[in-house]
């Protein structure tokens, strides 16, 4: 029992004794209930803060669990600022919601700087989404999550299943739920694709998850090899990337789009990964020409982030504009 909760426990014990001895128990009982409803949740939240000081609290729409080493979470989501289990305001985003919320591990700027050590297991990560993209411990390939299954496209071009024990240093996922579906009525080149997708969006000021299923006339994809310490920066790693070309291939592009004001947290604009329908090929997309496709778009209104609790992340310089590095990495 924590020191913070001891006074409340003593008060409840005393009131219980008074309740048994008094001739008018109804008033004392009402007071006891009031204390239980008001004071106890606050004490529970304060106790959680004491036990898990690294738990992140930044407002009603943000929450993170206290980390347990580098391999996942311990504990549970906590309400911010000692609110305990009190109801959130009507206009607040519930930090435990899953639909229309992106869950992200680390930041793109940290990945650019060489933070490649795995932070969270895929067993834990899949609890937060069934659709998304990212990478693996030591930057060992490109990650695609589709329909709740995670795939690893390594630098040899092959696709491998991912056990729950593998870890990721960077990923962004959601429980995909389409807000709109569009059947493409004309072929689209790579140069036309982003402009066409932008024309379908209600605003440029929120993130989106996009699923594009269909036949691709031409795709160029890449993957990167596993790295060893001391890690190179990502712009240097992609100099040794493996590229793959596919003609008239059926498959799915898993994409995220973040607004410009979130640059540095993730890639501002579009980020595409691809996996073939037969699950035998894929990678980070460098170019794609669509001949026939169905486009599904999920509007994302919530954003949750899990940050490292130590390691290289604490010593990285994440300031400054890294836009040019992102352009080199993405293209």
Protein backbone atom coordinates (compact mmCIF):
# COMPACT_ATOMS: atom_id res chain seq x y z
CA UNK A 1 0.00 0.00 0.00
CA UNK A 2 1.36 3.44 -0.88
CA UNK A 3 1.72 6.32 1.57
CA UNK A 4 -0.74 8.33 -0.57
CA UNK A 5 -3.54 5.79 -0.10
CA UNK A 6 -2.99 5.20 3.67
CA UNK A 7 -4.94 8.28 4.91
CA UNK A 8 -7.98 7.31 2.84
CA UNK A 9 -7.82 3.75 4.15
CA UNK A 10 -7.67 5.03 7.75
CA UNK A 11 -10.61 7.36 7.13
CA UNK A 12 -12.72 4.56 5.67
CA UNK A 13 -11.88 2.29 8.63
CA UNK A 14 -12.90 4.99 11.09
CA UNK A 15 -16.14 5.73 9.28
CA UNK A 16 -17.00 2.04 9.20
CA UNK A 17 -16.67 1.88 12.99
CA UNK A 18 -18.80 5.00 13.36
CA UNK A 19 -21.42 3.51 11.04
CA UNK A 20 -21.76 0.45 13.30
CA UNK A 21 -22.10 2.53 16.49
CA UNK A 22 -24.22 5.51 15.47
CA UNK A 23 -27.97 5.77 15.87
CA UNK A 24 -28.30 7.53 12.50
CA UNK A 25 -26.35 5.37 10.07
CA UNK A 26 -27.95 6.68 6.88
CA UNK A 27 -26.04 9.98 6.82
CA UNK A 28 -22.74 8.33 7.68
CA UNK A 29 -23.31 5.68 5.01
CA UNK A 30 -23.95 8.38 2.38
CA UNK A 31 -20.71 10.12 3.39
CA UNK A 32 -18.81 6.84 3.14
CA UNK A 33 -20.12 6.23 -0.38
CA UNK A 34 -19.12 9.76 -1.40
CA UNK A 35 -15.57 9.18 -0.22
CA UNK A 36 -15.37 5.89 -2.10
CA UNK A 37 -16.61 7.45 -5.34
CA UNK A 38 -14.55 10.64 -5.25
CA UNK A 39 -11.37 10.00 -3.29
CA UNK A 40 -10.56 6.41 -4.14
CA UNK A 41 -10.23 6.84 -7.95
CA UNK A 42 -7.87 9.76 -7.44
CA UNK A 43 -5.81 7.73 -4.99
CA UNK A 44 -5.66 4.80 -7.42
CA UNK A 45 -4.41 7.08 -10.16
CA UNK A 46 -1.84 8.67 -7.85
CA UNK A 47 -0.70 5.23 -6.77
CA UNK A 48 -0.28 4.24 -10.42
CA UNK A 49 1.78 7.36 -11.03
CA UNK A 50 4.02 6.46 -8.09
CA UNK A 51 4.46 2.86 -9.19
CA UNK A 52 4.93 3.70 -12.88
CA UNK A 53 6.62 7.13 -13.05
CA UNK A 54 7.43 6.74 -16.76
CA UNK A 55 3.77 6.42 -17.74
CA UNK A 56 2.99 9.18 -20.23
CA UNK A 57 0.16 11.61 -19.54
CA UNK A 58 -0.36 14.54 -21.87
CA UNK A 59 -4.13 15.01 -22.03
CA UNK A 60 -7.35 13.13 -22.57
CA UNK A 61 -6.50 12.00 -26.08
CA UNK A 62 -3.05 10.67 -25.17
CA UNK A 63 -2.16 7.60 -23.11
CA UNK A 64 0.65 5.08 -22.84
CA UNK A 65 1.39 2.12 -20.66
CA UNK A 66 4.41 1.97 -18.42
CA UNK A 67 7.16 0.09 -20.28
CA UNK A 68 8.67 -3.16 -19.13
CA UNK A 69 12.23 -3.21 -20.44
CA UNK A 70 12.45 -3.10 -24.23
CA UNK A 71 10.02 -5.87 -25.01
CA UNK A 72 6.54 -4.46 -24.50
CA UNK A 73 4.18 -3.08 -21.91
CA UNK A 74 3.39 -3.69 -18.29
CA UNK A 75 0.37 -2.29 -16.50
CA UNK A 76 -2.56 -0.62 -18.19
CA UNK A 77 -3.63 2.64 -19.73
CA UNK A 78 -4.04 5.37 -17.16
CA UNK A 79 -6.33 8.38 -17.27
CA UNK A 80 -4.39 11.69 -17.31
CA UNK A 81 -3.72 14.01 -14.38
CA UNK A 82 -5.15 11.81 -11.64
CA UNK A 83 -8.63 11.53 -13.12
CA UNK A 84 -8.87 7.84 -12.21
CA UNK A 85 -11.99 6.31 -13.74
CA UNK A 86 -14.02 9.52 -13.90
CA UNK A 87 -15.88 10.08 -17.19
CA UNK A 88 -14.10 12.01 -19.92
CA UNK A 89 -15.64 15.24 -21.21
CA UNK A 90 -18.12 14.74 -24.03
CA UNK A 91 -15.73 16.24 -26.61
CA UNK A 92 -12.67 14.24 -25.48
CA UNK A 93 -11.16 11.25 -27.27
CA UNK A 94 -11.21 8.10 -25.17
CA UNK A 95 -7.54 7.01 -24.85
CA UNK A 96 -8.61 3.35 -24.88
CA UNK A 97 -10.48 3.54 -28.20
CA UNK A 98 -9.23 1.50 -31.16
CA UNK A 99 -11.16 2.53 -34.29
CA UNK A 100 -9.99 5.65 -36.15
CA UNK A 101 -6.88 5.86 -33.96
CA UNK A 102 -3.27 5.46 -35.03
CA UNK A 103 -0.89 3.76 -32.61
CA UNK A 104 2.76 4.56 -33.27
CA UNK A 105 6.05 3.26 -31.88
CA UNK A 106 8.84 5.88 -31.72
CA UNK A 107 9.24 8.60 -34.38
CA UNK A 108 10.42 8.75 -37.99
CA UNK A 109 13.15 11.21 -37.00
CA UNK A 110 14.53 8.71 -34.48
CA UNK A 111 14.59 6.06 -37.21
CA UNK A 112 16.39 8.47 -39.53
CA UNK A 113 19.05 8.94 -36.84
CA UNK A 114 19.65 5.19 -36.48
CA UNK A 115 17.39 4.09 -33.60
CA UNK A 116 16.94 0.52 -34.86
CA UNK A 117 16.71 -1.49 -31.63
CA UNK A 118 13.35 -3.20 -31.18
CA UNK A 119 11.09 -1.63 -28.54
CA UNK A 120 7.86 -3.61 -28.56
CA UNK A 121 6.94 -7.16 -29.49
CA UNK A 122 4.62 -7.81 -32.38
CA UNK A 123 2.45 -9.80 -30.02
CA UNK A 124 1.83 -6.60 -28.07
CA UNK A 125 1.73 -4.40 -31.17
CA UNK A 126 -1.06 -6.38 -32.79
CA UNK A 127 -3.28 -5.58 -29.81
CA UNK A 128 -3.31 -2.01 -31.07
CA UNK A 129 -4.15 -2.54 -34.74
CA UNK A 130 -4.65 -4.92 -37.66
CA UNK A 131 -3.31 -2.69 -40.44
CA UNK A 132 -0.14 -0.67 -40.85
CA UNK A 133 3.53 -0.49 -41.69
CA UNK A 134 6.94 -0.22 -40.06
CA UNK A 135 10.18 -2.14 -39.71
CA UNK A 136 11.96 -4.68 -37.51
CA UNK A 137 14.70 -4.89 -34.91
CA UNK A 138 18.06 -3.88 -36.48
CA UNK A 139 16.08 -2.51 -39.47
CA UNK A 140 15.76 -6.04 -40.85
CA UNK A 141 13.34 -5.43 -43.71
CA UNK A 142 10.00 -3.76 -44.41
CA UNK A 143 6.90 -4.51 -42.35
CA UNK A 144 3.33 -4.85 -43.62
CA UNK A 145 0.37 -5.63 -41.41
CA UNK A 146 -2.79 -6.57 -43.30
CA UNK A 147 -5.97 -8.14 -41.91
CA UNK A 148 -4.20 -8.70 -38.60
CA UNK A 149 -1.28 -10.66 -40.08
CA UNK A 150 2.24 -9.24 -40.01
CA UNK A 151 4.69 -9.86 -42.87
CA UNK A 152 8.42 -9.23 -43.12
CA UNK A 153 9.88 -8.42 -46.54
CA UNK A 154 13.62 -8.84 -46.20
CA UNK A 155 16.39 -7.62 -48.45
CA UNK A 156 16.36 -10.91 -50.37
CA UNK A 157 12.87 -10.00 -51.62
CA UNK A 158 11.16 -12.90 -49.88
CA UNK A 159 8.22 -12.57 -47.47
CA UNK A 160 8.46 -14.18 -44.04
CA UNK A 161 5.88 -14.77 -41.29
CA UNK A 162 6.44 -12.77 -38.12
CA UNK A 163 6.24 -14.47 -34.71
CA UNK A 164 4.86 -12.54 -31.75
CA UNK A 165 8.30 -12.51 -30.11
CA UNK A 166 9.93 -10.36 -32.82
CA UNK A 167 10.24 -6.66 -32.05
CA UNK A 168 9.90 -3.35 -33.87
CA UNK A 169 11.75 -0.04 -33.42
CA UNK A 170 9.19 1.88 -35.50
CA UNK A 171 5.66 1.10 -36.60
CA UNK A 172 2.32 2.82 -37.12
CA UNK A 173 -0.86 0.77 -37.07
CA UNK A 174 -4.63 1.06 -36.67
CA UNK A 175 -7.73 -1.10 -36.62
CA UNK A 176 -8.73 -0.36 -40.19
CA UNK A 177 -12.32 0.76 -40.71
CA UNK A 178 -13.03 2.40 -44.05
CA UNK A 179 -14.93 5.69 -44.11
CA UNK A 180 -15.16 5.66 -47.89
CA UNK A 181 -14.52 3.25 -50.75
CA UNK A 182 -13.72 4.30 -54.30
CA UNK A 183 -13.45 1.99 -57.31
CA UNK A 184 -10.85 3.34 -59.69
CA UNK A 185 -12.38 4.04 -63.11
CA UNK A 186 -9.12 4.76 -64.94
CA UNK A 187 -5.45 3.81 -64.75
CA UNK A 188 -3.24 5.99 -62.58
CA UNK A 189 0.48 6.59 -62.90
CA UNK A 190 2.73 7.15 -59.91
CA UNK A 191 2.89 10.86 -60.69
CA UNK A 192 -0.92 11.06 -60.66
CA UNK A 193 -1.59 8.86 -57.65
CA UNK A 194 -1.03 11.23 -54.73
CA UNK A 195 -2.96 14.07 -56.35
CA UNK A 196 -5.90 11.76 -57.01
CA UNK A 197 -5.86 10.45 -53.44
CA UNK A 198 -5.76 14.01 -52.09
CA UNK A 199 -8.88 14.82 -54.10
CA UNK A 200 -10.76 12.11 -52.17
CA UNK A 201 -9.88 13.41 -48.69
CA UNK A 202 -12.23 15.66 -46.71
CA UNK A 203 -9.30 17.61 -45.22
CA UNK A 204 -5.54 17.64 -45.21
CA UNK A 205 -5.38 18.24 -41.48
CA UNK A 206 -5.86 14.72 -40.09
CA UNK A 207 -3.97 11.46 -40.66
CA UNK A 208 -5.36 8.70 -42.89
CA UNK A 209 -4.87 4.98 -43.43
CA UNK A 210 -5.42 3.86 -47.02
CA UNK A 211 -5.83 0.39 -48.44
CA UNK A 212 -5.43 0.00 -52.21
CA UNK A 213 -6.30 -3.46 -53.57
CA UNK A 214 -6.01 -4.27 -57.23
CA UNK A 215 -3.76 -4.88 -60.20
CA UNK A 216 -0.59 -2.89 -60.59
CA UNK A 217 0.86 -2.46 -64.05
CA UNK A 218 4.28 -1.69 -62.64
CA UNK A 219 5.73 -1.52 -59.13
CA UNK A 220 9.23 -0.76 -57.90
CA UNK A 221 9.77 -1.70 -54.26
CA UNK A 222 12.74 -1.92 -51.92
CA UNK A 223 13.93 -3.43 -48.69
CA UNK A 224 17.02 -2.93 -46.56
CA UNK A 225 19.37 -5.41 -44.88
CA UNK A 226 19.73 -5.95 -41.15
CA UNK A 227 22.20 -3.53 -39.54
CA UNK A 228 24.93 -3.98 -36.95
CA UNK A 229 26.13 -1.51 -34.35
CA UNK A 230 27.33 1.16 -34.53
CA UNK A 231 24.28 1.89 -36.67
CA UNK A 232 24.50 4.08 -39.76
CA UNK A 233 21.89 6.74 -40.33
CA UNK A 234 18.99 5.65 -42.53
CA UNK A 235 20.02 7.87 -45.44
CA UNK A 236 23.29 5.94 -45.58
CA UNK A 237 21.64 2.55 -45.18
CA UNK A 238 19.35 3.00 -48.19
CA UNK A 239 22.44 3.38 -50.35
CA UNK A 240 22.73 -0.41 -50.06
CA UNK A 241 19.03 -1.19 -50.45
CA UNK A 242 17.71 -4.01 -52.60
CA UNK A 243 15.10 -3.05 -55.20
CA UNK A 244 12.50 -5.27 -56.87
CA UNK A 245 10.34 -4.69 -59.94
CA UNK A 246 6.97 -6.29 -60.63
CA UNK A 247 4.84 -6.20 -63.77
CA UNK A 248 1.07 -6.75 -63.86
CA UNK A 249 0.96 -7.99 -60.28
CA UNK A 250 -2.09 -8.21 -58.03
CA UNK A 251 -1.76 -7.15 -54.43
CA UNK A 252 -2.37 -4.51 -51.79
CA UNK A 253 -0.72 -1.21 -50.98
CA UNK A 254 -0.85 -0.34 -47.28
CA UNK A 255 -0.48 3.41 -46.93
CA UNK A 256 -0.49 6.15 -44.33
CA UNK A 257 -0.81 9.87 -44.87
CA UNK A 258 0.16 12.36 -42.17
CA UNK A 259 -0.43 16.14 -42.29
CA UNK A 260 2.50 18.50 -42.62
CA UNK A 261 2.31 19.65 -39.00
CA UNK A 262 3.14 16.08 -37.87
CA UNK A 263 6.39 16.02 -39.86
CA UNK A 264 9.11 14.52 -37.70
CA UNK A 265 6.70 12.29 -35.82
CA UNK A 266 5.99 10.40 -39.03
CA UNK A 267 6.44 10.99 -42.75
CA UNK A 268 4.47 14.07 -43.76
CA UNK A 269 2.48 13.07 -46.83
CA UNK A 270 2.13 9.51 -48.12
CA UNK A 271 4.08 6.40 -47.14
CA UNK A 272 3.35 3.22 -49.12
CA UNK A 273 4.24 -0.42 -48.55
CA UNK A 274 3.14 -3.27 -50.83
CA UNK A 275 2.50 -6.98 -50.55
CA UNK A 276 1.54 -9.27 -53.43
CA UNK A 277 -1.71 -11.20 -53.37
CA UNK A 278 0.17 -14.48 -53.13
CA UNK A 279 2.19 -13.06 -50.18
CA UNK A 280 5.47 -13.90 -51.90
CA UNK A 281 6.78 -10.39 -52.69
CA UNK A 282 6.54 -6.79 -51.57
CA UNK A 283 8.42 -3.95 -49.95
CA UNK A 284 8.55 -0.20 -49.47
CA UNK A 285 7.05 1.36 -52.61
CA UNK A 286 9.26 3.62 -54.72
CA UNK A 287 6.93 3.69 -57.73
CA UNK A 288 3.53 2.20 -58.59
CA UNK A 289 1.29 2.46 -61.65
CA UNK A 290 -2.26 1.22 -61.10
CA UNK A 291 -4.37 -0.33 -63.83
CA UNK A 292 -7.35 -1.45 -61.74
CA UNK A 293 -7.93 -0.88 -58.03
CA UNK A 294 -10.32 -0.34 -55.15
CA UNK A 295 -9.30 2.38 -52.69
CA UNK A 296 -10.47 2.38 -49.08
CA UNK A 297 -9.80 5.34 -46.81
CA UNK A 298 -9.92 5.38 -43.01
CA UNK A 299 -10.07 8.83 -41.36
CA UNK A 300 -7.94 8.88 -38.20
CA UNK A 301 -8.90 11.21 -35.35
CA UNK A 302 -6.84 9.80 -32.50
CA UNK A 303 -3.07 9.44 -32.11
CA UNK A 304 -1.27 7.37 -29.48
CA UNK A 305 2.50 7.10 -29.23
CA UNK A 306 4.86 4.74 -27.41
CA UNK A 307 8.33 6.19 -26.82
CA UNK A 308 11.48 4.37 -25.71
CA UNK A 309 12.25 4.42 -21.97
CA UNK A 310 15.99 4.75 -22.54
CA UNK A 311 18.71 3.50 -24.85
CA UNK A 312 20.00 5.37 -27.89
CA UNK A 313 16.79 7.39 -28.17
CA UNK A 314 17.68 9.52 -25.15
CA UNK A 315 20.95 10.74 -26.68
CA UNK A 316 19.76 11.40 -30.24
CA UNK A 317 19.56 14.92 -31.66
CA UNK A 318 15.99 15.02 -32.97
CA UNK A 319 15.93 18.78 -33.57
CA UNK A 320 16.19 20.53 -36.89
CA UNK A 321 14.59 20.00 -40.27
CA UNK A 322 15.14 16.48 -41.59
CA UNK A 323 12.92 16.94 -44.63
CA UNK A 324 15.69 16.35 -47.14
CA UNK A 325 16.70 13.13 -45.41
CA UNK A 326 13.09 11.89 -45.60
CA UNK A 327 12.94 12.70 -49.32
CA UNK A 328 16.11 10.70 -49.94
CA UNK A 329 14.87 7.77 -47.86
CA UNK A 330 11.39 7.67 -49.35
CA UNK A 331 12.43 8.00 -53.00
